[in-house]
Amino acid sequence: TVEGSIGGLVLSCIGCVAYICIMVGLFAGGMPKMSVILKFAFIGLAGSVLSQLGDLAASCIKRDCNKKDYGSLLPGHGGLLDRFDSVLFAAPFIYYAMMYIVF
Protein backbone atom coordinates (compact mmCIF):
# COMPACT_ATOMS: atom_id res chain seq x y z
CA THR A 1 0.00 0.00 0.00
CA VAL A 2 1.01 3.61 -0.34
CA GLU A 3 0.84 4.07 3.43
CA GLY A 4 3.12 1.08 3.98
CA SER A 5 5.59 2.36 1.43
CA ILE A 6 5.76 5.83 2.96
CA GLY A 7 5.91 4.37 6.46
CA GLY A 8 8.80 2.15 5.40
CA LEU A 9 10.69 5.11 3.95
CA VAL A 10 10.22 7.23 7.06
CA LEU A 11 11.01 4.47 9.55
CA SER A 12 14.07 3.41 7.58
CA CYS A 13 15.46 6.96 7.78
CA ILE A 14 14.65 7.19 11.49
CA GLY A 15 16.23 3.79 12.14
CA CYS A 16 19.47 4.67 10.35
CA VAL A 17 19.77 8.02 12.14
CA ALA A 18 19.03 6.38 15.50
CA TYR A 19 21.65 3.73 14.76
CA ILE A 20 24.42 6.22 14.08
CA CYS A 21 23.47 8.36 17.09
CA ILE A 22 23.58 5.32 19.39
CA MET A 23 26.85 4.00 17.94
CA VAL A 24 28.62 7.36 18.12
CA GLY A 25 27.22 7.91 21.59
CA LEU A 26 28.49 4.52 22.79
CA PHE A 27 31.92 4.58 21.18
CA ALA A 28 32.79 8.27 20.84
CA GLY A 29 30.85 9.70 23.75
CA GLY A 30 29.00 12.41 21.86
CA MET A 31 26.70 13.16 18.98
CA PRO A 32 27.62 12.69 15.31
CA LYS A 33 28.04 15.68 13.03
CA MET A 34 25.02 16.83 11.06
CA SER A 35 26.72 15.79 7.80
CA VAL A 36 27.01 12.20 9.07
CA ILE A 37 23.39 12.20 10.22
CA LEU A 38 22.27 13.39 6.77
CA LYS A 39 24.38 10.72 5.07
CA PHE A 40 22.77 8.01 7.18
CA ALA A 41 19.29 9.43 6.53
CA PHE A 42 20.04 9.26 2.79
CA ILE A 43 21.30 5.68 3.10
CA GLY A 44 18.10 4.75 4.96
CA LEU A 45 15.92 6.41 2.33
CA ALA A 46 17.77 4.91 -0.64
CA GLY A 47 17.96 1.49 1.02
CA SER A 48 14.21 1.51 1.60
CA VAL A 49 13.50 2.50 -2.01
CA LEU A 50 15.83 -0.21 -3.32
CA SER A 51 14.25 -2.80 -1.03
CA GLN A 52 10.81 -1.99 -2.37
CA LEU A 53 12.10 -2.08 -5.95
CA GLY A 54 13.70 -5.48 -5.32
CA ASP A 55 10.41 -6.84 -4.03
CA LEU A 56 8.52 -5.41 -7.01
CA ALA A 57 11.10 -6.78 -9.48
CA ALA A 58 10.79 -10.26 -7.99
CA SER A 59 7.00 -10.03 -8.23
CA CYS A 60 7.28 -9.01 -11.90
CA ILE A 61 9.51 -11.99 -12.62
CA LYS A 62 7.01 -14.35 -10.97
CA ARG A 63 4.14 -12.84 -12.98
CA ASP A 64 6.07 -13.16 -16.23
CA CYS A 65 6.70 -16.84 -15.47
CA ASN A 66 3.07 -17.42 -14.40
CA LYS A 67 4.21 -18.59 -10.96
CA LYS A 68 2.61 -17.81 -7.65
CA ASP A 69 5.57 -18.86 -5.51
CA TYR A 70 9.30 -19.34 -6.10
CA GLY A 71 9.22 -22.68 -4.34
CA SER A 72 7.54 -24.84 -1.75
CA LEU A 73 10.18 -24.77 0.99
CA LEU A 74 8.24 -22.09 2.90
CA PRO A 75 4.57 -22.75 2.07
CA GLY A 76 2.38 -19.68 2.22
CA HIS A 77 5.33 -17.29 2.09
CA GLY A 78 6.03 -17.23 -1.64
CA GLY A 79 9.08 -19.45 -1.41
CA LEU A 80 12.53 -18.94 0.03
CA LEU A 81 13.54 -16.19 -2.41
CA ASP A 82 10.62 -14.05 -1.25
CA ARG A 83 12.39 -13.73 2.11
CA PHE A 84 15.46 -12.22 0.42
CA ASP A 85 14.28 -10.44 -2.74
CA SER A 86 14.40 -6.97 -1.22
CA VAL A 87 17.82 -7.61 0.31
CA LEU A 88 19.27 -8.51 -3.10
CA PHE A 89 18.81 -4.93 -4.31
CA ALA A 90 19.49 -3.04 -1.08
CA ALA A 91 22.49 -4.89 0.40
CA PRO A 92 25.06 -4.00 -2.32
CA PHE A 93 24.06 -0.34 -2.22
CA ILE A 94 24.23 -0.16 1.57
CA TYR A 95 27.62 -1.88 1.59
CA TYR A 96 29.17 0.51 -0.92
CA ALA A 97 27.47 3.51 0.65
CA MET A 98 28.97 2.62 4.02
CA MET A 99 32.41 2.09 2.48
CA TYR A 100 32.58 5.11 0.17
CA ILE A 101 29.96 7.69 1.22
CA VAL A 102 30.23 7.59 4.99
CA PHE A 103 33.87 6.72 5.64
C-alpha atoms as a PDB file:
ATOM      1  CA  THR A   1       0.000   0.000   0.000  1.00  0.00           C
ATOM      2  CA  VAL A   2       1.007   3.613  -0.341  1.00  0.00           C
ATOM      3  CA  GLU A   3       0.839   4.069   3.427  1.00  0.00           C
ATOM      4  CA  GLY A   4       3.119   1.079   3.977  1.00  0.00           C
ATOM      5  CA  SER A   5       5.590   2.363   1.425  1.00  0.00           C
ATOM      6  CA  ILE A   6       5.759   5.827   2.958  1.00  0.00           C
ATOM      7  CA  GLY A   7       5.914   4.371   6.461  1.00  0.00           C
ATOM      8  CA  GLY A   8       8.804   2.146   5.396  1.00  0.00           C
ATOM      9  CA  LEU A   9      10.688   5.110   3.948  1.00  0.00           C
ATOM     10  CA  VAL A  10      10.224   7.232   7.065  1.00  0.00           C
ATOM     11  CA  LEU A  11      11.006   4.470   9.554  1.00  0.00           C
ATOM     12  CA  SER A  12      14.072   3.407   7.585  1.00  0.00           C
ATOM     13  CA  CYS A  13      15.462   6.956   7.778  1.00  0.00           C
ATOM     14  CA  ILE A  14      14.652   7.189  11.486  1.00  0.00           C
ATOM     15  CA  GLY A  15      16.229   3.788  12.139  1.00  0.00           C
ATOM     16  CA  CYS A  16      19.469   4.674  10.352  1.00  0.00           C
ATOM     17  CA  VAL A  17      19.768   8.020  12.143  1.00  0.00           C
ATOM     18  CA  ALA A  18      19.029   6.381  15.504  1.00  0.00           C
ATOM     19  CA  TYR A  19      21.650   3.726  14.759  1.00  0.00           C
ATOM     20  CA  ILE A  20      24.424   6.220  14.079  1.00  0.00           C
ATOM     21  CA  CYS A  21      23.465   8.357  17.088  1.00  0.00           C
ATOM     22  CA  ILE A  22      23.579   5.316  19.387  1.00  0.00           C
ATOM     23  CA  MET A  23      26.851   4.000  17.938  1.00  0.00           C
ATOM     24  CA  VAL A  24      28.617   7.357  18.116  1.00  0.00           C
ATOM     25  CA  GLY A  25      27.222   7.907  21.595  1.00  0.00           C
ATOM     26  CA  LEU A  26      28.491   4.520  22.794  1.00  0.00           C
ATOM     27  CA  PHE A  27      31.919   4.578  21.184  1.00  0.00           C
ATOM     28  CA  ALA A  28      32.793   8.266  20.835  1.00  0.00           C
ATOM     29  CA  GLY A  29      30.853   9.696  23.753  1.00  0.00           C
ATOM     30  CA  GLY A  30      29.002  12.412  21.864  1.00  0.00           C
ATOM     31  CA  MET A  31      26.696  13.158  18.978  1.00  0.00           C
ATOM     32  CA  PRO A  32      27.619  12.686  15.309  1.00  0.00           C
ATOM     33  CA  LYS A  33      28.043  15.684  13.032  1.00  0.00           C
ATOM     34  CA  MET A  34      25.025  16.828  11.061  1.00  0.00           C
ATOM     35  CA  SER A  35      26.718  15.786   7.796  1.00  0.00           C
ATOM     36  CA  VAL A  36      27.011  12.197   9.066  1.00  0.00           C
ATOM     37  CA  ILE A  37      23.389  12.205  10.215  1.00  0.00           C
ATOM     38  CA  LEU A  38      22.271  13.395   6.775  1.00  0.00           C
ATOM     39  CA  LYS A  39      24.382  10.725   5.071  1.00  0.00           C
ATOM     40  CA  PHE A  40      22.771   8.009   7.178  1.00  0.00           C
ATOM     41  CA  ALA A  41      19.290   9.433   6.531  1.00  0.00           C
ATOM     42  CA  PHE A  42      20.044   9.262   2.793  1.00  0.00           C
ATOM     43  CA  ILE A  43      21.297   5.677   3.102  1.00  0.00           C
ATOM     44  CA  GLY A  44      18.104   4.751   4.959  1.00  0.00           C
ATOM     45  CA  LEU A  45      15.924   6.408   2.331  1.00  0.00           C
ATOM     46  CA  ALA A  46      17.770   4.906  -0.640  1.00  0.00           C
ATOM     47  CA  GLY A  47      17.955   1.487   1.021  1.00  0.00           C
ATOM     48  CA  SER A  48      14.207   1.511   1.598  1.00  0.00           C
ATOM     49  CA  VAL A  49      13.498   2.498  -2.008  1.00  0.00           C
ATOM     50  CA  LEU A  50      15.834  -0.215  -3.316  1.00  0.00           C
ATOM     51  CA  SER A  51      14.253  -2.803  -1.030  1.00  0.00           C
ATOM     52  CA  GLN A  52      10.811  -1.990  -2.371  1.00  0.00           C
ATOM     53  CA  LEU A  53      12.101  -2.083  -5.946  1.00  0.00           C
ATOM     54  CA  GLY A  54      13.699  -5.483  -5.315  1.00  0.00           C
ATOM     55  CA  ASP A  55      10.412  -6.837  -4.027  1.00  0.00           C
ATOM     56  CA  LEU A  56       8.523  -5.414  -7.013  1.00  0.00           C
ATOM     57  CA  ALA A  57      11.099  -6.785  -9.477  1.00  0.00           C
ATOM     58  CA  ALA A  58      10.790 -10.258  -7.986  1.00  0.00           C
ATOM     59  CA  SER A  59       7.004 -10.034  -8.232  1.00  0.00           C
ATOM     60  CA  CYS A  60       7.277  -9.006 -11.895  1.00  0.00           C
ATOM     61  CA  ILE A  61       9.513 -11.991 -12.622  1.00  0.00           C
ATOM     62  CA  LYS A  62       7.007 -14.346 -10.975  1.00  0.00           C
ATOM     63  CA  ARG A  63       4.145 -12.844 -12.976  1.00  0.00           C
ATOM     64  CA  ASP A  64       6.069 -13.161 -16.235  1.00  0.00           C
ATOM     65  CA  CYS A  65       6.697 -16.842 -15.466  1.00  0.00           C
ATOM     66  CA  ASN A  66       3.072 -17.422 -14.395  1.00  0.00           C
ATOM     67  CA  LYS A  67       4.214 -18.593 -10.962  1.00  0.00           C
ATOM     68  CA  LYS A  68       2.613 -17.806  -7.647  1.00  0.00           C
ATOM     69  CA  ASP A  69       5.573 -18.856  -5.514  1.00  0.00           C
ATOM     70  CA  TYR A  70       9.302 -19.342  -6.099  1.00  0.00           C
ATOM     71  CA  GLY A  71       9.218 -22.678  -4.345  1.00  0.00           C
ATOM     72  CA  SER A  72       7.536 -24.836  -1.748  1.00  0.00           C
ATOM     73  CA  LEU A  73      10.175 -24.768   0.989  1.00  0.00           C
ATOM     74  CA  LEU A  74       8.240 -22.095   2.897  1.00  0.00           C
ATOM     75  CA  PRO A  75       4.574 -22.748   2.070  1.00  0.00           C
ATOM     76  CA  GLY A  76       2.377 -19.677   2.221  1.00  0.00           C
ATOM     77  CA  HIS A  77       5.334 -17.294   2.087  1.00  0.00           C
ATOM     78  CA  GLY A  78       6.031 -17.233  -1.641  1.00  0.00           C
ATOM     79  CA  GLY A  79       9.077 -19.449  -1.408  1.00  0.00           C
ATOM     80  CA  LEU A  80      12.525 -18.940   0.025  1.00  0.00           C
ATOM     81  CA  LEU A  81      13.541 -16.195  -2.414  1.00  0.00           C
ATOM     82  CA  ASP A  82      10.620 -14.046  -1.252  1.00  0.00           C
ATOM     83  CA  ARG A  83      12.388 -13.729   2.107  1.00  0.00           C
ATOM     84  CA  PHE A  84      15.463 -12.222   0.423  1.00  0.00           C
ATOM     85  CA  ASP A  85      14.282 -10.442  -2.740  1.00  0.00           C
ATOM     86  CA  SER A  86      14.405  -6.974  -1.219  1.00  0.00           C
ATOM     87  CA  VAL A  87      17.821  -7.606   0.308  1.00  0.00           C
ATOM     88  CA  LEU A  88      19.275  -8.514  -3.096  1.00  0.00           C
ATOM     89  CA  PHE A  89      18.814  -4.932  -4.311  1.00  0.00           C
ATOM     90  CA  ALA A  90      19.492  -3.039  -1.082  1.00  0.00           C
ATOM     91  CA  ALA A  91      22.492  -4.890   0.396  1.00  0.00           C
ATOM     92  CA  PRO A  92      25.056  -4.004  -2.319  1.00  0.00           C
ATOM     93  CA  PHE A  93      24.057  -0.336  -2.218  1.00  0.00           C
ATOM     94  CA  ILE A  94      24.232  -0.156   1.575  1.00  0.00           C
ATOM     95  CA  TYR A  95      27.624  -1.885   1.592  1.00  0.00           C
ATOM     96  CA  TYR A  96      29.169   0.507  -0.923  1.00  0.00           C
ATOM     97  CA  ALA A  97      27.470   3.514   0.650  1.00  0.00           C
ATOM     98  CA  MET A  98      28.971   2.616   4.017  1.00  0.00           C
ATOM     99  CA  MET A  99      32.408   2.085   2.478  1.00  0.00           C
ATOM    100  CA  TYR A 100      32.578   5.114   0.172  1.00  0.00           C
ATOM    101  CA  ILE A 101      29.959   7.692   1.219  1.00  0.00           C
ATOM    102  CA  VAL A 102      30.234   7.593   4.992  1.00  0.00           C
ATOM    103  CA  PHE A 103      33.869   6.717   5.643  1.00  0.00           C
END
